[in-house]
Amino acid sequence: FDIVLLNDGCETKDLHSILNTCNINIEIRTAIKGTPGEIRNQLIDVLKKSRYDIIIFGDTDDFFSSNRIEKTLDKINQGIDVVFNDLSLVNEKGDLLAENIWKDREELENVDLAFLIRNNVLGLGNSALRKNILGFDLALDLETPVFDWIFYLQVFHYNKEIRCGFVDEACTYYRQHSNILGLTNEYSKGRLEDRM
């Protein structure tokens, strides 16, 4: 596999000195300056134009279980279009705060648009997809702090027969942020619907 890194602030020479130790093809793109939503939108545009068939997302402030790629590809090879894995929460030092926060949730086996309207489980740190389901133009407010959620709502809206699968054997160690949706009352369902 290759890594496509959208750099939104690091010195390119520093990235090259770190990444040259890896035996993987790494393409570094410079991100536009803007909101997280604008940068993520640019990433989606880059990936839509890429030569790849399967895209596994990741954020550089998170880290992953060693089997994440393997388990994700296993699911995609079973005919799944969107795959997501469990999350464990960590602090800035990488200390574990909560492990496998979605374990034992049977409803994760039936994720569809109606489920996603009520639940925010797909993020660009714990998901993967087939590129061919991105054949539509995103239409969202790039100022929204919940880009990932709105992005996946649109993916499911424009792909009526989409198959989604949960991988509980793999995990993304997600760095807990204070602005995570659900920990604040700042965003009501009505405000989110206005932004879709």
C-alpha atoms as a PDB file:
ATOM      1  CA  PHE A   1       0.000   0.000   0.000  1.00  0.00           C
ATOM      2  CA  ASP A   2       0.957   3.647  -0.301  1.00  0.00           C
ATOM      3  CA  ILE A   3       0.482   6.499   2.134  1.00  0.00           C
ATOM      4  CA  VAL A   4      -0.931   9.788   0.893  1.00  0.00           C
ATOM      5  CA  LEU A   5      -0.285  12.430   3.547  1.00  0.00           C
ATOM      6  CA  LEU A   6      -2.053  15.764   3.394  1.00  0.00           C
ATOM      7  CA  ASN A   7       0.317  18.028   5.326  1.00  0.00           C
ATOM      8  CA  ASP A   8      -1.446  20.929   7.025  1.00  0.00           C
ATOM      9  CA  GLY A   9       1.380  22.494   8.977  1.00  0.00           C
ATOM     10  CA  CYS A  10       4.588  20.453   9.392  1.00  0.00           C
ATOM     11  CA  GLU A  11       7.835  21.379   7.703  1.00  0.00           C
ATOM     12  CA  THR A  12       8.111  19.127   4.636  1.00  0.00           C
ATOM     13  CA  LYS A  13      11.820  18.498   5.257  1.00  0.00           C
ATOM     14  CA  ASP A  14      11.014  17.304   8.785  1.00  0.00           C
ATOM     15  CA  LEU A  15       8.374  14.929   7.436  1.00  0.00           C
ATOM     16  CA  HIS A  16      10.771  13.531   4.837  1.00  0.00           C
ATOM     17  CA  SER A  17      13.475  12.926   7.450  1.00  0.00           C
ATOM     18  CA  ILE A  18      11.012  10.983   9.625  1.00  0.00           C
ATOM     19  CA  LEU A  19       9.230   9.124   6.831  1.00  0.00           C
ATOM     20  CA  ASN A  20      12.362   8.155   4.882  1.00  0.00           C
ATOM     21  CA  THR A  21      12.951   5.483   7.531  1.00  0.00           C
ATOM     22  CA  CYS A  22       9.785   3.672   6.345  1.00  0.00           C
ATOM     23  CA  ASN A  23       9.918   1.189   3.499  1.00  0.00           C
ATOM     24  CA  ILE A  24       6.602   2.425   2.048  1.00  0.00           C
ATOM     25  CA  ASN A  25       5.792   4.709  -0.873  1.00  0.00           C
ATOM     26  CA  ILE A  26       4.719   7.996   0.731  1.00  0.00           C
ATOM     27  CA  GLU A  27       3.274  10.931  -1.183  1.00  0.00           C
ATOM     28  CA  ILE A  28       3.166  14.215   0.712  1.00  0.00           C
ATOM     29  CA  ARG A  29       0.713  16.854  -0.473  1.00  0.00           C
ATOM     30  CA  THR A  30       0.592  20.364   0.968  1.00  0.00           C
ATOM     31  CA  ALA A  31      -2.830  21.253   2.289  1.00  0.00           C
ATOM     32  CA  ILE A  32      -4.507  24.552   1.724  1.00  0.00           C
ATOM     33  CA  LYS A  33      -4.680  26.790   4.750  1.00  0.00           C
ATOM     34  CA  GLY A  34      -8.163  26.690   6.166  1.00  0.00           C
ATOM     35  CA  THR A  35     -10.601  25.105   8.541  1.00  0.00           C
ATOM     36  CA  PRO A  36     -10.406  21.379   9.334  1.00  0.00           C
ATOM     37  CA  GLY A  37     -13.440  20.939   7.053  1.00  0.00           C
ATOM     38  CA  GLU A  38     -11.706  22.693   4.148  1.00  0.00           C
ATOM     39  CA  ILE A  39      -8.596  20.567   4.604  1.00  0.00           C
ATOM     40  CA  ARG A  40     -10.629  17.337   4.806  1.00  0.00           C
ATOM     41  CA  ASN A  41     -12.576  18.390   1.702  1.00  0.00           C
ATOM     42  CA  GLN A  42      -9.271  18.855  -0.123  1.00  0.00           C
ATOM     43  CA  LEU A  43      -8.221  15.370   0.996  1.00  0.00           C
ATOM     44  CA  ILE A  44     -11.409  13.856  -0.430  1.00  0.00           C
ATOM     45  CA  ASP A  45     -10.794  15.667  -3.751  1.00  0.00           C
ATOM     46  CA  VAL A  46      -7.205  14.362  -3.890  1.00  0.00           C
ATOM     47  CA  LEU A  47      -8.351  10.805  -3.190  1.00  0.00           C
ATOM     48  CA  LYS A  48     -11.223  10.946  -5.711  1.00  0.00           C
ATOM     49  CA  LYS A  49      -8.663  11.763  -8.420  1.00  0.00           C
ATOM     50  CA  SER A  50      -6.170   9.144  -7.247  1.00  0.00           C
ATOM     51  CA  ARG A  51      -5.421   5.764  -8.824  1.00  0.00           C
ATOM     52  CA  TYR A  52      -6.466   3.863  -5.697  1.00  0.00           C
ATOM     53  CA  ASP A  53      -9.511   1.605  -5.445  1.00  0.00           C
ATOM     54  CA  ILE A  54      -9.540   1.283  -1.644  1.00  0.00           C
ATOM     55  CA  ILE A  55      -8.954   4.145   0.783  1.00  0.00           C
ATOM     56  CA  ILE A  56      -8.143   3.585   4.449  1.00  0.00           C
ATOM     57  CA  PHE A  57      -8.324   6.843   6.386  1.00  0.00           C
ATOM     58  CA  GLY A  58      -6.202   7.835   9.358  1.00  0.00           C
ATOM     59  CA  ASP A  59      -5.370  10.942  11.351  1.00  0.00           C
ATOM     60  CA  THR A  60      -1.748  11.478  12.336  1.00  0.00           C
ATOM     61  CA  ASP A  61      -2.623  12.257  15.948  1.00  0.00           C
ATOM     62  CA  ASP A  62      -4.186   8.782  16.293  1.00  0.00           C
ATOM     63  CA  PHE A  63      -2.547   5.365  16.104  1.00  0.00           C
ATOM     64  CA  PHE A  64      -3.886   1.987  15.072  1.00  0.00           C
ATOM     65  CA  SER A  65      -3.846  -1.640  16.129  1.00  0.00           C
ATOM     66  CA  SER A  66      -1.298  -3.613  14.103  1.00  0.00           C
ATOM     67  CA  ASN A  67      -4.064  -5.582  12.353  1.00  0.00           C
ATOM     68  CA  ARG A  68      -6.222  -2.639  11.238  1.00  0.00           C
ATOM     69  CA  ILE A  69      -5.252  -2.716   7.554  1.00  0.00           C
ATOM     70  CA  GLU A  70      -5.468  -6.514   7.302  1.00  0.00           C
ATOM     71  CA  LYS A  71      -8.891  -6.721   9.011  1.00  0.00           C
ATOM     72  CA  THR A  72     -10.218  -3.787   6.971  1.00  0.00           C
ATOM     73  CA  LEU A  73      -9.148  -5.371   3.679  1.00  0.00           C
ATOM     74  CA  ASP A  74     -10.655  -8.711   4.753  1.00  0.00           C
ATOM     75  CA  LYS A  75     -14.021  -6.983   5.191  1.00  0.00           C
ATOM     76  CA  ILE A  76     -13.773  -5.066   1.900  1.00  0.00           C
ATOM     77  CA  ASN A  77     -12.888  -8.299   0.088  1.00  0.00           C
ATOM     78  CA  GLN A  78     -16.176  -9.728   1.417  1.00  0.00           C
ATOM     79  CA  GLY A  79     -18.040  -7.106  -0.654  1.00  0.00           C
ATOM     80  CA  ILE A  80     -18.345  -4.348   1.958  1.00  0.00           C
ATOM     81  CA  ASP A  81     -18.218  -0.733   0.665  1.00  0.00           C
ATOM     82  CA  VAL A  82     -17.540   1.138   3.936  1.00  0.00           C
ATOM     83  CA  VAL A  83     -15.656  -0.435   6.834  1.00  0.00           C
ATOM     84  CA  PHE A  84     -15.137   1.038  10.266  1.00  0.00           C
ATOM     85  CA  ASN A  85     -13.413  -0.220  13.371  1.00  0.00           C
ATOM     86  CA  ASP A  86     -13.705   0.246  17.105  1.00  0.00           C
ATOM     87  CA  LEU A  87     -12.225   3.203  18.970  1.00  0.00           C
ATOM     88  CA  SER A  88     -10.187   3.326  22.136  1.00  0.00           C
ATOM     89  CA  LEU A  89      -9.718   6.772  23.641  1.00  0.00           C
ATOM     90  CA  VAL A  90      -6.252   8.021  24.602  1.00  0.00           C
ATOM     91  CA  ASN A  91      -4.911  11.299  25.939  1.00  0.00           C
ATOM     92  CA  GLU A  92      -2.158  13.411  24.319  1.00  0.00           C
ATOM     93  CA  LYS A  93       0.523  11.176  25.895  1.00  0.00           C
ATOM     94  CA  GLY A  94      -1.084   8.036  24.457  1.00  0.00           C
ATOM     95  CA  ASP A  95      -2.369   6.809  27.831  1.00  0.00           C
ATOM     96  CA  LEU A  96      -5.498   4.665  27.479  1.00  0.00           C
ATOM     97  CA  LEU A  97      -8.658   6.391  28.774  1.00  0.00           C
ATOM     98  CA  ALA A  98     -11.346   3.974  27.536  1.00  0.00           C
ATOM     99  CA  GLU A  99     -10.884   0.771  25.574  1.00  0.00           C
ATOM    100  CA  ASN A 100     -13.077  -0.437  22.680  1.00  0.00           C
ATOM    101  CA  ILE A 101     -15.924   1.984  23.323  1.00  0.00           C
ATOM    102  CA  TRP A 102     -18.305   0.254  20.873  1.00  0.00           C
ATOM    103  CA  LYS A 103     -17.760  -3.373  21.860  1.00  0.00           C
ATOM    104  CA  ASP A 104     -20.901  -5.458  22.302  1.00  0.00           C
ATOM    105  CA  ARG A 105     -23.124  -3.035  20.346  1.00  0.00           C
ATOM    106  CA  GLU A 106     -25.110  -5.306  18.066  1.00  0.00           C
ATOM    107  CA  GLU A 107     -26.657  -2.405  16.119  1.00  0.00           C
ATOM    108  CA  LEU A 108     -23.255  -1.714  14.525  1.00  0.00           C
ATOM    109  CA  GLU A 109     -23.877  -4.661  12.223  1.00  0.00           C
ATOM    110  CA  ASN A 110     -26.755  -2.766  10.547  1.00  0.00           C
ATOM    111  CA  VAL A 111     -25.381   0.699   9.813  1.00  0.00           C
ATOM    112  CA  ASP A 112     -27.412   2.569   7.197  1.00  0.00           C
ATOM    113  CA  LEU A 113     -28.451   6.171   6.560  1.00  0.00           C
ATOM    114  CA  ALA A 114     -31.196   6.085   9.207  1.00  0.00           C
ATOM    115  CA  PHE A 115     -28.665   4.806  11.764  1.00  0.00           C
ATOM    116  CA  LEU A 116     -26.115   7.484  10.831  1.00  0.00           C
ATOM    117  CA  ILE A 117     -28.625  10.297  11.222  1.00  0.00           C
ATOM    118  CA  ARG A 118     -28.858   9.296  14.891  1.00  0.00           C
ATOM    119  CA  ASN A 119     -25.282   8.091  15.520  1.00  0.00           C
ATOM    120  CA  ASN A 120     -21.836   9.449  14.690  1.00  0.00           C
ATOM    121  CA  VAL A 121     -19.662   6.322  14.408  1.00  0.00           C
ATOM    122  CA  LEU A 122     -17.812   6.878  11.099  1.00  0.00           C
ATOM    123  CA  GLY A 123     -14.829   9.181  11.183  1.00  0.00           C
ATOM    124  CA  LEU A 124     -11.836   9.658   8.948  1.00  0.00           C
ATOM    125  CA  GLY A 125      -9.722   8.105  11.695  1.00  0.00           C
ATOM    126  CA  ASN A 126     -11.525   4.766  11.887  1.00  0.00           C
ATOM    127  CA  SER A 127     -12.967   4.095   8.453  1.00  0.00           C
ATOM    128  CA  ALA A 128     -12.175   2.876   4.971  1.00  0.00           C
ATOM    129  CA  LEU A 129     -14.127   2.773   1.728  1.00  0.00           C
ATOM    130  CA  ARG A 130     -14.159   1.809  -1.908  1.00  0.00           C
ATOM    131  CA  LYS A 131     -13.314   4.888  -3.963  1.00  0.00           C
ATOM    132  CA  ASN A 132     -16.076   4.174  -6.493  1.00  0.00           C
ATOM    133  CA  ILE A 133     -18.718   5.310  -3.974  1.00  0.00           C
ATOM    134  CA  LEU A 134     -17.321   8.860  -4.064  1.00  0.00           C
ATOM    135  CA  GLY A 135     -18.888   9.678  -7.448  1.00  0.00           C
ATOM    136  CA  PHE A 136     -20.774  12.732  -6.226  1.00  0.00           C
ATOM    137  CA  ASP A 137     -19.974  16.335  -5.319  1.00  0.00           C
ATOM    138  CA  LEU A 138     -19.845  17.066  -1.608  1.00  0.00           C
ATOM    139  CA  ALA A 139     -22.287  19.755  -0.553  1.00  0.00           C
ATOM    140  CA  LEU A 140     -21.595  20.923   2.954  1.00  0.00           C
ATOM    141  CA  ASP A 141     -20.630  23.888   5.050  1.00  0.00           C
ATOM    142  CA  LEU A 142     -16.847  23.638   5.312  1.00  0.00           C
ATOM    143  CA  GLU A 143     -16.967  25.574   8.575  1.00  0.00           C
ATOM    144  CA  THR A 144     -18.790  22.702  10.283  1.00  0.00           C
ATOM    145  CA  PRO A 145     -16.748  20.969  12.990  1.00  0.00           C
ATOM    146  CA  VAL A 146     -18.436  17.636  12.200  1.00  0.00           C
ATOM    147  CA  PHE A 147     -17.143  17.176   8.644  1.00  0.00           C
ATOM    148  CA  ASP A 148     -16.683  13.407   8.949  1.00  0.00           C
ATOM    149  CA  TRP A 149     -20.271  12.829  10.045  1.00  0.00           C
ATOM    150  CA  ILE A 150     -21.792  15.012   7.319  1.00  0.00           C
ATOM    151  CA  PHE A 151     -19.420  13.467   4.746  1.00  0.00           C
ATOM    152  CA  TYR A 152     -20.610   9.962   5.570  1.00  0.00           C
ATOM    153  CA  LEU A 153     -24.255  11.021   5.660  1.00  0.00           C
ATOM    154  CA  GLN A 154     -23.803  12.171   2.060  1.00  0.00           C
ATOM    155  CA  VAL A 155     -21.916   8.991   1.077  1.00  0.00           C
ATOM    156  CA  PHE A 156     -24.867   6.922   2.305  1.00  0.00           C
ATOM    157  CA  HIS A 157     -27.437   9.295   0.794  1.00  0.00           C
ATOM    158  CA  TYR A 158     -25.918   9.102  -2.713  1.00  0.00           C
ATOM    159  CA  ASN A 159     -25.237   5.339  -2.585  1.00  0.00           C
ATOM    160  CA  LYS A 160     -28.579   3.708  -1.856  1.00  0.00           C
ATOM    161  CA  GLU A 161     -27.300   0.109  -1.889  1.00  0.00           C
ATOM    162  CA  ILE A 162     -24.196   0.705   0.200  1.00  0.00           C
ATOM    163  CA  ARG A 163     -22.934  -2.111   2.426  1.00  0.00           C
ATOM    164  CA  CYS A 164     -21.277  -1.094   5.690  1.00  0.00           C
ATOM    165  CA  GLY A 165     -19.323  -3.372   8.006  1.00  0.00           C
ATOM    166  CA  PHE A 166     -17.912  -3.068  11.513  1.00  0.00           C
ATOM    167  CA  VAL A 167     -14.551  -4.599  12.462  1.00  0.00           C
ATOM    168  CA  ASP A 168     -14.382  -5.228  16.195  1.00  0.00           C
ATOM    169  CA  GLU A 169     -11.032  -7.056  15.988  1.00  0.00           C
ATOM    170  CA  ALA A 170      -9.168  -3.852  15.040  1.00  0.00           C
ATOM    171  CA  CYS A 171      -8.953  -0.518  16.785  1.00  0.00           C
ATOM    172  CA  THR A 172      -8.080   3.130  16.274  1.00  0.00           C
ATOM    173  CA  TYR A 173      -6.556   4.743  19.335  1.00  0.00           C
ATOM    174  CA  TYR A 174      -8.275   8.093  19.105  1.00  0.00           C
ATOM    175  CA  ARG A 175      -6.867  11.149  20.858  1.00  0.00           C
ATOM    176  CA  GLN A 176      -9.744  12.560  22.866  1.00  0.00           C
ATOM    177  CA  HIS A 177     -10.555  16.172  21.948  1.00  0.00           C
ATOM    178  CA  SER A 178     -12.673  18.552  23.987  1.00  0.00           C
ATOM    179  CA  ASN A 179     -14.837  19.383  20.950  1.00  0.00           C
ATOM    180  CA  ILE A 180     -16.078  15.865  20.212  1.00  0.00           C
ATOM    181  CA  LEU A 181     -19.745  15.865  19.289  1.00  0.00           C
ATOM    182  CA  GLY A 182     -21.835  14.424  22.076  1.00  0.00           C
ATOM    183  CA  LEU A 183     -19.786  15.994  24.837  1.00  0.00           C
ATOM    184  CA  THR A 184     -21.205  19.418  24.158  1.00  0.00           C
ATOM    185  CA  ASN A 185     -24.679  20.819  23.622  1.00  0.00           C
ATOM    186  CA  GLU A 186     -23.458  23.310  21.030  1.00  0.00           C
ATOM    187  CA  TYR A 187     -24.810  21.306  18.065  1.00  0.00           C
ATOM    188  CA  SER A 188     -28.445  20.407  18.015  1.00  0.00           C
ATOM    189  CA  LYS A 189     -30.024  18.061  15.464  1.00  0.00           C
ATOM    190  CA  GLY A 190     -31.734  21.069  13.870  1.00  0.00           C
ATOM    191  CA  ARG A 191     -28.478  22.975  13.434  1.00  0.00           C
ATOM    192  CA  LEU A 192     -26.830  19.940  11.861  1.00  0.00           C
ATOM    193  CA  GLU A 193     -29.741  19.449   9.458  1.00  0.00           C
ATOM    194  CA  ASP A 194     -29.449  23.117   8.457  1.00  0.00           C
ATOM    195  CA  ARG A 195     -25.796  22.500   7.531  1.00  0.00           C
ATOM    196  CA  MET A 196     -26.456  19.377   5.419  1.00  0.00           C
END
